[in-house]
Amino acid sequence: MADTNTNLAKYPGLTKKQRATMSFHAFVVILIGSTAGFAWLISLAGYLHIWPLPPMEISVPDQKELWRNAHLGPIVHGMLVVLVAAVSPLLKLTKNEAGILVIAGLVEVWGNALGFSAAPFTSNRGLTPDGSFINQFAYFTFLPAVLAALVVVILGIVGSYRAMRE
């Protein structure tokens, strides 16, 4: 019993508030990705028709693949962060590692949501740090998001490995 208490003190993991914070932001980003699905639909169909309303002529940049990414990217990254928050009680993380995990999760979801949402309006999808302001904006939101996603996965591996070794 003392060993369990020692491990709990050494690896307290995420607090309930930290898990709720990660989940809240991830769900908001999932909502953003879901609404981007309308732009994807418009780019595919050429208009928006939601029965029983009449068809609406709405113009969006003709970037079908990028609208699909703007729809699915935030949803996928949001789901990853929700999943990490959900399984976090199983992870053996120090207080500092838990704090880093929360920050990395937030940077991941928001960086990807902003980058994927800006990419359809750019010349090269935000893949390089040059060109228009909107392209640079996409690039400089994707870059920290990619690094943050890597941190989330590494901390997930570390925390689950520690738990597995117990």
N, C-alpha and C. Protein backbone atom coordinates (compact mmCIF):
# COMPACT_ATOMS: atom_id res chain seq x y z
N MET A 1 0.82 -1.20 0.00
CA MET A 1 0.00 0.00 0.00
C MET A 1 0.86 1.25 0.00
N ALA A 2 1.95 1.22 0.77
CA ALA A 2 2.84 2.38 0.82
C ALA A 2 3.48 2.63 -0.55
N ASP A 3 3.79 1.52 -1.29
CA ASP A 3 4.39 1.65 -2.62
C ASP A 3 3.43 2.36 -3.58
N THR A 4 2.14 2.06 -3.49
CA THR A 4 1.13 2.71 -4.32
C THR A 4 1.04 4.19 -4.00
N ASN A 5 1.07 4.54 -2.73
CA ASN A 5 1.03 5.95 -2.34
C ASN A 5 2.28 6.68 -2.79
N THR A 6 3.44 6.02 -2.74
CA THR A 6 4.68 6.62 -3.21
C THR A 6 4.60 6.91 -4.70
N ASN A 7 4.10 5.94 -5.48
CA ASN A 7 3.96 6.13 -6.91
C ASN A 7 2.96 7.23 -7.23
N LEU A 8 1.89 7.32 -6.46
CA LEU A 8 0.90 8.37 -6.68
C LEU A 8 1.50 9.74 -6.43
N ALA A 9 2.34 9.84 -5.40
CA ALA A 9 3.00 11.11 -5.12
C ALA A 9 4.03 11.43 -6.20
N LYS A 10 4.71 10.43 -6.71
CA LYS A 10 5.74 10.64 -7.73
C LYS A 10 5.12 10.90 -9.10
N TYR A 11 4.01 10.21 -9.39
CA TYR A 11 3.35 10.31 -10.69
C TYR A 11 1.87 10.66 -10.50
N PRO A 12 1.56 11.90 -10.14
CA PRO A 12 0.16 12.25 -9.89
C PRO A 12 -0.68 12.32 -11.16
N GLY A 13 -0.05 12.46 -12.32
CA GLY A 13 -0.79 12.52 -13.57
C GLY A 13 -1.54 13.83 -13.73
N LEU A 14 -2.50 13.85 -14.63
CA LEU A 14 -3.28 15.05 -14.90
C LEU A 14 -4.38 15.22 -13.85
N THR A 15 -4.65 16.45 -13.50
CA THR A 15 -5.76 16.72 -12.60
C THR A 15 -7.06 16.67 -13.39
N LYS A 16 -8.15 16.65 -12.68
CA LYS A 16 -9.47 16.66 -13.33
C LYS A 16 -9.63 17.94 -14.17
N LYS A 17 -9.17 19.06 -13.64
CA LYS A 17 -9.27 20.33 -14.37
C LYS A 17 -8.42 20.30 -15.64
N GLN A 18 -7.24 19.72 -15.57
CA GLN A 18 -6.39 19.62 -16.76
C GLN A 18 -7.06 18.75 -17.82
N ARG A 19 -7.65 17.63 -17.40
CA ARG A 19 -8.34 16.76 -18.36
C ARG A 19 -9.53 17.48 -18.97
N ALA A 20 -10.27 18.23 -18.15
CA ALA A 20 -11.43 18.98 -18.65
C ALA A 20 -10.99 20.08 -19.61
N THR A 21 -9.88 20.74 -19.31
CA THR A 21 -9.37 21.80 -20.19
C THR A 21 -8.99 21.22 -21.55
N MET A 22 -8.27 20.13 -21.54
CA MET A 22 -7.90 19.49 -22.81
C MET A 22 -9.14 19.07 -23.59
N SER A 23 -10.09 18.46 -22.92
CA SER A 23 -11.30 17.99 -23.59
C SER A 23 -12.11 19.15 -24.15
N PHE A 24 -12.27 20.21 -23.37
CA PHE A 24 -13.05 21.36 -23.83
C PHE A 24 -12.47 21.94 -25.12
N HIS A 25 -11.18 22.22 -25.11
CA HIS A 25 -10.55 22.80 -26.30
C HIS A 25 -10.60 21.84 -27.49
N ALA A 26 -10.40 20.57 -27.23
CA ALA A 26 -10.45 19.59 -28.31
C ALA A 26 -11.85 19.52 -28.91
N PHE A 27 -12.88 19.55 -28.08
CA PHE A 27 -14.24 19.50 -28.60
C PHE A 27 -14.59 20.77 -29.39
N VAL A 28 -14.10 21.93 -28.97
CA VAL A 28 -14.32 23.17 -29.73
C VAL A 28 -13.66 23.05 -31.10
N VAL A 29 -12.45 22.51 -31.14
CA VAL A 29 -11.75 22.34 -32.40
C VAL A 29 -12.46 21.31 -33.28
N ILE A 30 -13.00 20.26 -32.70
CA ILE A 30 -13.79 19.30 -33.45
C ILE A 30 -15.00 19.98 -34.08
N LEU A 31 -15.63 20.88 -33.34
CA LEU A 31 -16.75 21.65 -33.89
C LEU A 31 -16.31 22.51 -35.07
N ILE A 32 -15.15 23.15 -34.95
CA ILE A 32 -14.61 23.96 -36.05
C ILE A 32 -14.38 23.08 -37.28
N GLY A 33 -13.78 21.93 -37.08
CA GLY A 33 -13.56 21.00 -38.19
C GLY A 33 -14.87 20.53 -38.80
N SER A 34 -15.86 20.30 -37.96
CA SER A 34 -17.16 19.86 -38.46
C SER A 34 -17.80 20.94 -39.33
N THR A 35 -17.70 22.19 -38.92
CA THR A 35 -18.29 23.26 -39.73
C THR A 35 -17.51 23.48 -41.02
N ALA A 36 -16.21 23.19 -41.02
CA ALA A 36 -15.43 23.28 -42.26
C ALA A 36 -15.92 22.26 -43.27
N GLY A 37 -16.62 21.24 -42.80
CA GLY A 37 -17.20 20.27 -43.72
C GLY A 37 -18.19 20.90 -44.67
N PHE A 38 -18.84 21.99 -44.26
CA PHE A 38 -19.75 22.69 -45.16
C PHE A 38 -18.98 23.31 -46.32
N ALA A 39 -17.82 23.88 -46.05
CA ALA A 39 -17.00 24.44 -47.13
C ALA A 39 -16.55 23.33 -48.07
N TRP A 40 -16.21 22.17 -47.52
CA TRP A 40 -15.82 21.05 -48.36
C TRP A 40 -17.00 20.63 -49.24
N LEU A 41 -18.17 20.54 -48.65
CA LEU A 41 -19.37 20.19 -49.41
C LEU A 41 -19.61 21.21 -50.54
N ILE A 42 -19.47 22.49 -50.22
CA ILE A 42 -19.70 23.53 -51.23
C ILE A 42 -18.66 23.42 -52.34
N SER A 43 -17.41 23.15 -51.98
CA SER A 43 -16.37 23.03 -53.02
C SER A 43 -16.62 21.82 -53.91
N LEU A 44 -17.21 20.77 -53.37
CA LEU A 44 -17.52 19.58 -54.18
C LEU A 44 -18.77 19.78 -55.04
N ALA A 45 -19.83 20.32 -54.44
CA ALA A 45 -21.10 20.45 -55.15
C ALA A 45 -21.21 21.75 -55.95
N GLY A 46 -20.49 22.77 -55.54
CA GLY A 46 -20.58 24.06 -56.21
C GLY A 46 -21.63 24.97 -55.59
N TYR A 47 -22.38 24.46 -54.63
CA TYR A 47 -23.39 25.24 -53.93
C TYR A 47 -23.76 24.49 -52.65
N LEU A 48 -24.55 25.13 -51.81
CA LEU A 48 -25.00 24.50 -50.57
C LEU A 48 -26.51 24.31 -50.64
N HIS A 49 -26.96 23.10 -50.42
CA HIS A 49 -28.39 22.81 -50.43
C HIS A 49 -28.73 21.99 -49.19
N ILE A 50 -29.39 22.64 -48.26
CA ILE A 50 -29.84 21.97 -47.04
C ILE A 50 -31.35 21.97 -47.06
N TRP A 51 -31.90 20.79 -47.30
CA TRP A 51 -33.34 20.65 -47.38
C TRP A 51 -33.97 21.07 -46.06
N PRO A 52 -35.04 21.78 -46.00
CA PRO A 52 -35.97 22.17 -47.06
C PRO A 52 -35.67 23.55 -47.65
N LEU A 53 -34.52 24.13 -47.29
CA LEU A 53 -34.17 25.43 -47.84
C LEU A 53 -33.80 25.31 -49.32
N PRO A 54 -33.97 26.38 -50.07
CA PRO A 54 -33.54 26.34 -51.47
C PRO A 54 -32.02 26.34 -51.56
N PRO A 55 -31.47 25.85 -52.67
CA PRO A 55 -30.02 25.87 -52.85
C PRO A 55 -29.46 27.29 -52.72
N MET A 56 -28.30 27.40 -52.10
CA MET A 56 -27.66 28.70 -51.91
C MET A 56 -26.35 28.72 -52.68
N GLU A 57 -26.18 29.74 -53.49
CA GLU A 57 -24.94 29.92 -54.23
C GLU A 57 -23.93 30.59 -53.29
N ILE A 58 -22.94 29.84 -52.85
CA ILE A 58 -21.90 30.35 -51.97
C ILE A 58 -20.57 30.03 -52.63
N SER A 59 -19.69 30.99 -52.63
CA SER A 59 -18.39 30.80 -53.27
C SER A 59 -17.32 30.52 -52.21
N VAL A 60 -16.57 29.46 -52.43
CA VAL A 60 -15.40 29.15 -51.60
C VAL A 60 -14.25 28.86 -52.57
N PRO A 61 -13.00 29.05 -52.14
CA PRO A 61 -11.89 28.71 -53.02
C PRO A 61 -11.98 27.26 -53.47
N ASP A 62 -11.69 27.03 -54.74
CA ASP A 62 -11.79 25.69 -55.32
C ASP A 62 -10.57 24.85 -54.92
N GLN A 63 -10.57 24.42 -53.69
CA GLN A 63 -9.47 23.63 -53.11
C GLN A 63 -10.06 22.42 -52.39
N LYS A 64 -10.62 21.51 -53.15
CA LYS A 64 -11.35 20.38 -52.56
C LYS A 64 -10.53 19.61 -51.51
N GLU A 65 -9.30 19.28 -51.86
CA GLU A 65 -8.46 18.51 -50.93
C GLU A 65 -8.18 19.31 -49.66
N LEU A 66 -7.95 20.61 -49.82
CA LEU A 66 -7.65 21.43 -48.64
C LEU A 66 -8.88 21.63 -47.76
N TRP A 67 -10.06 21.69 -48.37
CA TRP A 67 -11.28 21.79 -47.55
C TRP A 67 -11.52 20.47 -46.82
N ARG A 68 -11.20 19.35 -47.47
CA ARG A 68 -11.31 18.06 -46.77
C ARG A 68 -10.36 18.04 -45.58
N ASN A 69 -9.13 18.54 -45.79
CA ASN A 69 -8.17 18.61 -44.69
C ASN A 69 -8.65 19.54 -43.58
N ALA A 70 -9.25 20.68 -43.97
CA ALA A 70 -9.77 21.63 -42.97
C ALA A 70 -10.91 21.01 -42.17
N HIS A 71 -11.60 20.05 -42.78
CA HIS A 71 -12.68 19.35 -42.09
C HIS A 71 -12.12 18.24 -41.20
N LEU A 72 -11.29 17.38 -41.77
CA LEU A 72 -10.84 16.20 -41.04
C LEU A 72 -9.65 16.44 -40.11
N GLY A 73 -8.75 17.34 -40.48
CA GLY A 73 -7.56 17.60 -39.66
C GLY A 73 -7.90 17.99 -38.23
N PRO A 74 -8.71 19.04 -38.04
CA PRO A 74 -9.06 19.41 -36.67
C PRO A 74 -9.83 18.31 -35.93
N ILE A 75 -10.66 17.57 -36.66
CA ILE A 75 -11.42 16.50 -36.02
C ILE A 75 -10.47 15.41 -35.51
N VAL A 76 -9.53 15.00 -36.35
CA VAL A 76 -8.59 13.94 -35.97
C VAL A 76 -7.72 14.38 -34.79
N HIS A 77 -7.17 15.60 -34.88
CA HIS A 77 -6.31 16.06 -33.79
C HIS A 77 -7.11 16.31 -32.51
N GLY A 78 -8.33 16.79 -32.65
CA GLY A 78 -9.20 16.95 -31.49
C GLY A 78 -9.50 15.62 -30.83
N MET A 79 -9.78 14.61 -31.67
CA MET A 79 -10.05 13.29 -31.12
C MET A 79 -8.84 12.72 -30.40
N LEU A 80 -7.64 12.97 -30.94
CA LEU A 80 -6.42 12.48 -30.27
C LEU A 80 -6.30 13.11 -28.89
N VAL A 81 -6.53 14.41 -28.79
CA VAL A 81 -6.38 15.09 -27.50
C VAL A 81 -7.48 14.65 -26.53
N VAL A 82 -8.70 14.44 -27.01
CA VAL A 82 -9.76 13.90 -26.14
C VAL A 82 -9.37 12.51 -25.65
N LEU A 83 -8.82 11.70 -26.54
CA LEU A 83 -8.40 10.35 -26.16
C LEU A 83 -7.30 10.40 -25.11
N VAL A 84 -6.33 11.27 -25.30
CA VAL A 84 -5.24 11.39 -24.33
C VAL A 84 -5.79 11.83 -22.98
N ALA A 85 -6.70 12.81 -22.99
CA ALA A 85 -7.31 13.26 -21.73
C ALA A 85 -8.07 12.10 -21.06
N ALA A 86 -8.75 11.30 -21.87
CA ALA A 86 -9.55 10.20 -21.33
C ALA A 86 -8.68 9.10 -20.72
N VAL A 87 -7.57 8.79 -21.37
CA VAL A 87 -6.71 7.70 -20.85
C VAL A 87 -5.65 8.21 -19.87
N SER A 88 -5.60 9.51 -19.66
CA SER A 88 -4.54 10.07 -18.81
C SER A 88 -4.50 9.48 -17.40
N PRO A 89 -5.63 9.03 -16.80
CA PRO A 89 -5.50 8.40 -15.48
C PRO A 89 -4.65 7.13 -15.51
N LEU A 90 -4.48 6.54 -16.67
CA LEU A 90 -3.65 5.34 -16.79
C LEU A 90 -2.17 5.67 -16.93
N LEU A 91 -1.86 6.91 -17.32
CA LEU A 91 -0.49 7.31 -17.58
C LEU A 91 0.21 7.71 -16.28
N LYS A 92 1.42 7.26 -16.13
CA LYS A 92 2.24 7.64 -14.97
C LYS A 92 3.12 8.81 -15.38
N LEU A 93 2.64 10.03 -15.10
CA LEU A 93 3.35 11.25 -15.45
C LEU A 93 3.61 12.09 -14.21
N THR A 94 4.77 12.74 -14.18
CA THR A 94 5.04 13.67 -13.09
C THR A 94 4.16 14.91 -13.27
N LYS A 95 4.14 15.75 -12.25
CA LYS A 95 3.35 16.98 -12.33
C LYS A 95 3.83 17.86 -13.50
N ASN A 96 5.15 17.99 -13.65
CA ASN A 96 5.70 18.79 -14.76
C ASN A 96 5.35 18.18 -16.11
N GLU A 97 5.48 16.88 -16.23
CA GLU A 97 5.13 16.21 -17.49
C GLU A 97 3.66 16.38 -17.81
N ALA A 98 2.81 16.32 -16.80
CA ALA A 98 1.37 16.52 -17.01
C ALA A 98 1.10 17.93 -17.52
N GLY A 99 1.77 18.91 -16.94
CA GLY A 99 1.60 20.29 -17.39
C GLY A 99 2.05 20.47 -18.83
N ILE A 100 3.17 19.85 -19.18
CA ILE A 100 3.67 19.92 -20.56
C ILE A 100 2.69 19.24 -21.50
N LEU A 101 2.12 18.12 -21.08
CA LEU A 101 1.15 17.39 -21.90
C LEU A 101 -0.06 18.26 -22.21
N VAL A 102 -0.56 18.98 -21.21
CA VAL A 102 -1.72 19.84 -21.42
C VAL A 102 -1.38 20.95 -22.41
N ILE A 103 -0.27 21.62 -22.19
CA ILE A 103 0.13 22.71 -23.10
C ILE A 103 0.34 22.18 -24.52
N ALA A 104 1.03 21.06 -24.63
CA ALA A 104 1.27 20.48 -25.95
C ALA A 104 -0.04 20.10 -26.63
N GLY A 105 -0.98 19.54 -25.88
CA GLY A 105 -2.28 19.19 -26.45
C GLY A 105 -3.03 20.40 -26.97
N LEU A 106 -2.98 21.50 -26.22
CA LEU A 106 -3.66 22.72 -26.65
C LEU A 106 -2.98 23.33 -27.88
N VAL A 107 -1.67 23.34 -27.89
CA VAL A 107 -0.94 23.85 -29.07
C VAL A 107 -1.25 22.98 -30.28
N GLU A 108 -1.30 21.67 -30.07
CA GLU A 108 -1.59 20.76 -31.17
C GLU A 108 -2.97 21.03 -31.78
N VAL A 109 -4.00 21.07 -30.95
CA VAL A 109 -5.35 21.23 -31.52
C VAL A 109 -5.55 22.61 -32.15
N TRP A 110 -5.10 23.66 -31.48
CA TRP A 110 -5.33 25.00 -32.03
C TRP A 110 -4.42 25.30 -33.20
N GLY A 111 -3.18 24.87 -33.15
CA GLY A 111 -2.28 25.08 -34.28
C GLY A 111 -2.79 24.39 -35.53
N ASN A 112 -3.26 23.16 -35.38
CA ASN A 112 -3.80 22.44 -36.53
C ASN A 112 -5.11 23.05 -37.00
N ALA A 113 -5.98 23.42 -36.08
CA ALA A 113 -7.25 24.02 -36.49
C ALA A 113 -7.02 25.30 -37.30
N LEU A 114 -6.11 26.15 -36.82
CA LEU A 114 -5.83 27.41 -37.52
C LEU A 114 -5.11 27.15 -38.84
N GLY A 115 -4.13 26.28 -38.82
CA GLY A 115 -3.39 25.98 -40.04
C GLY A 115 -4.25 25.35 -41.12
N PHE A 116 -5.03 24.33 -40.75
CA PHE A 116 -5.90 23.68 -41.72
C PHE A 116 -6.99 24.63 -42.23
N SER A 117 -7.46 25.53 -41.38
CA SER A 117 -8.50 26.49 -41.80
C SER A 117 -7.94 27.55 -42.73
N ALA A 118 -6.67 27.92 -42.56
CA ALA A 118 -6.06 28.94 -43.41
C ALA A 118 -5.55 28.37 -44.73
N ALA A 119 -5.17 27.12 -44.76
CA ALA A 119 -4.53 26.52 -45.94
C ALA A 119 -5.32 26.66 -47.24
N PRO A 120 -6.66 26.53 -47.25
CA PRO A 120 -7.37 26.68 -48.53
C PRO A 120 -7.24 28.08 -49.16
N PHE A 121 -6.80 29.05 -48.39
CA PHE A 121 -6.68 30.41 -48.88
C PHE A 121 -5.24 30.77 -49.24
N THR A 122 -4.35 29.77 -49.29
CA THR A 122 -2.94 30.03 -49.53
C THR A 122 -2.52 29.51 -50.90
N SER A 123 -1.33 29.90 -51.29
CA SER A 123 -0.80 29.45 -52.57
C SER A 123 -0.13 28.08 -52.47
N ASN A 124 0.47 27.77 -51.35
CA ASN A 124 1.12 26.45 -51.25
C ASN A 124 0.81 25.73 -49.94
N ARG A 125 -0.39 25.90 -49.44
CA ARG A 125 -0.92 25.11 -48.32
C ARG A 125 -0.25 25.36 -46.98
N GLY A 126 0.56 26.38 -46.88
CA GLY A 126 1.28 26.61 -45.64
C GLY A 126 2.42 25.63 -45.43
N LEU A 127 2.94 25.07 -46.51
CA LEU A 127 4.01 24.08 -46.40
C LEU A 127 5.38 24.70 -46.26
N THR A 128 5.53 25.97 -46.65
CA THR A 128 6.81 26.66 -46.56
C THR A 128 6.59 28.03 -45.92
N PRO A 129 7.63 28.60 -45.31
CA PRO A 129 7.46 29.87 -44.60
C PRO A 129 7.63 31.10 -45.49
N ASP A 130 7.15 31.02 -46.73
CA ASP A 130 7.28 32.17 -47.63
C ASP A 130 5.93 32.47 -48.28
N GLY A 131 5.91 33.44 -49.17
CA GLY A 131 4.69 33.78 -49.87
C GLY A 131 3.85 34.77 -49.08
N SER A 132 2.56 34.68 -49.26
CA SER A 132 1.62 35.63 -48.67
C SER A 132 1.56 35.51 -47.15
N PHE A 133 0.98 36.53 -46.53
CA PHE A 133 0.81 36.51 -45.08
C PHE A 133 0.01 35.29 -44.64
N ILE A 134 -1.07 34.98 -45.36
CA ILE A 134 -1.93 33.86 -44.94
C ILE A 134 -1.17 32.53 -45.05
N ASN A 135 -0.28 32.42 -46.05
CA ASN A 135 0.54 31.21 -46.18
C ASN A 135 1.52 31.11 -45.01
N GLN A 136 2.14 32.22 -44.67
CA GLN A 136 3.06 32.23 -43.53
C GLN A 136 2.31 31.94 -42.23
N PHE A 137 1.10 32.48 -42.12
CA PHE A 137 0.27 32.21 -40.94
C PHE A 137 0.01 30.70 -40.81
N ALA A 138 -0.38 30.07 -41.92
CA ALA A 138 -0.64 28.62 -41.89
C ALA A 138 0.63 27.86 -41.51
N TYR A 139 1.74 28.23 -42.11
CA TYR A 139 3.00 27.54 -41.83
C TYR A 139 3.37 27.67 -40.35
N PHE A 140 3.30 28.90 -39.83
CA PHE A 140 3.74 29.12 -38.46
C PHE A 140 2.71 28.70 -37.41
N THR A 141 1.55 28.22 -37.83
CA THR A 141 0.65 27.54 -36.89
C THR A 141 0.84 26.03 -36.98
N PHE A 142 1.12 25.54 -38.21
CA PHE A 142 1.38 24.11 -38.36
C PHE A 142 2.67 23.68 -37.65
N LEU A 143 3.72 24.47 -37.76
CA LEU A 143 5.02 24.09 -37.22
C LEU A 143 4.97 23.76 -35.72
N PRO A 144 4.46 24.67 -34.87
CA PRO A 144 4.38 24.29 -33.45
C PRO A 144 3.38 23.16 -33.20
N ALA A 145 2.34 23.07 -34.04
CA ALA A 145 1.37 21.99 -33.85
C ALA A 145 2.00 20.62 -34.09
N VAL A 146 2.85 20.54 -35.10
CA VAL A 146 3.53 19.27 -35.39
C VAL A 146 4.46 18.90 -34.23
N LEU A 147 5.22 19.87 -33.75
CA LEU A 147 6.13 19.61 -32.63
C LEU A 147 5.34 19.23 -31.38
N ALA A 148 4.23 19.92 -31.14
CA ALA A 148 3.39 19.62 -29.97
C ALA A 148 2.79 18.22 -30.07
N ALA A 149 2.36 17.82 -31.25
CA ALA A 149 1.80 16.48 -31.44
C ALA A 149 2.85 15.42 -31.11
N LEU A 150 4.08 15.70 -31.50
CA LEU A 150 5.18 14.79 -31.19
C LEU A 150 5.37 14.69 -29.67
N VAL A 151 5.31 15.80 -28.98
CA VAL A 151 5.45 15.81 -27.52
C VAL A 151 4.31 15.02 -26.87
N VAL A 152 3.07 15.20 -27.36
CA VAL A 152 1.92 14.48 -26.82
C VAL A 152 2.14 12.97 -26.95
N VAL A 153 2.57 12.55 -28.12
CA VAL A 153 2.77 11.11 -28.36
C VAL A 153 3.92 10.58 -27.50
N ILE A 154 5.01 11.32 -27.42
CA ILE A 154 6.16 10.87 -26.61
C ILE A 154 5.76 10.76 -25.14
N LEU A 155 5.06 11.77 -24.61
CA LEU A 155 4.62 11.68 -23.21
C LEU A 155 3.62 10.55 -23.00
N GLY A 156 2.80 10.27 -24.00
CA GLY A 156 1.90 9.12 -23.93
C GLY A 156 2.68 7.82 -23.84
N ILE A 157 3.74 7.72 -24.63
CA ILE A 157 4.59 6.53 -24.59
C ILE A 157 5.28 6.41 -23.23
N VAL A 158 5.86 7.51 -22.75
CA VAL A 158 6.56 7.50 -21.47
C VAL A 158 5.60 7.12 -20.34
N GLY A 159 4.45 7.77 -20.28
CA GLY A 159 3.50 7.51 -19.21
C GLY A 159 2.93 6.10 -19.23
N SER A 160 2.65 5.60 -20.42
CA SER A 160 2.10 4.24 -20.49
C SER A 160 3.19 3.20 -20.24
N TYR A 161 4.43 3.49 -20.63
CA TYR A 161 5.53 2.56 -20.35
C TYR A 161 5.73 2.43 -18.84
N ARG A 162 5.73 3.57 -18.14
CA ARG A 162 5.88 3.52 -16.67
C ARG A 162 4.76 2.71 -16.04
N ALA A 163 3.55 2.92 -16.50
CA ALA A 163 2.41 2.18 -15.94
C ALA A 163 2.53 0.70 -16.25
N MET A 164 2.98 0.40 -17.44
CA MET A 164 3.13 -1.00 -17.86
C MET A 164 4.19 -1.71 -17.03
N ARG A 165 5.23 -1.00 -16.63
CA ARG A 165 6.32 -1.59 -15.86
C ARG A 165 5.94 -1.86 -14.40
N GLU A 166 4.88 -1.25 -13.91
CA GLU A 166 4.48 -1.46 -12.51
C GLU A 166 3.91 -2.84 -12.30
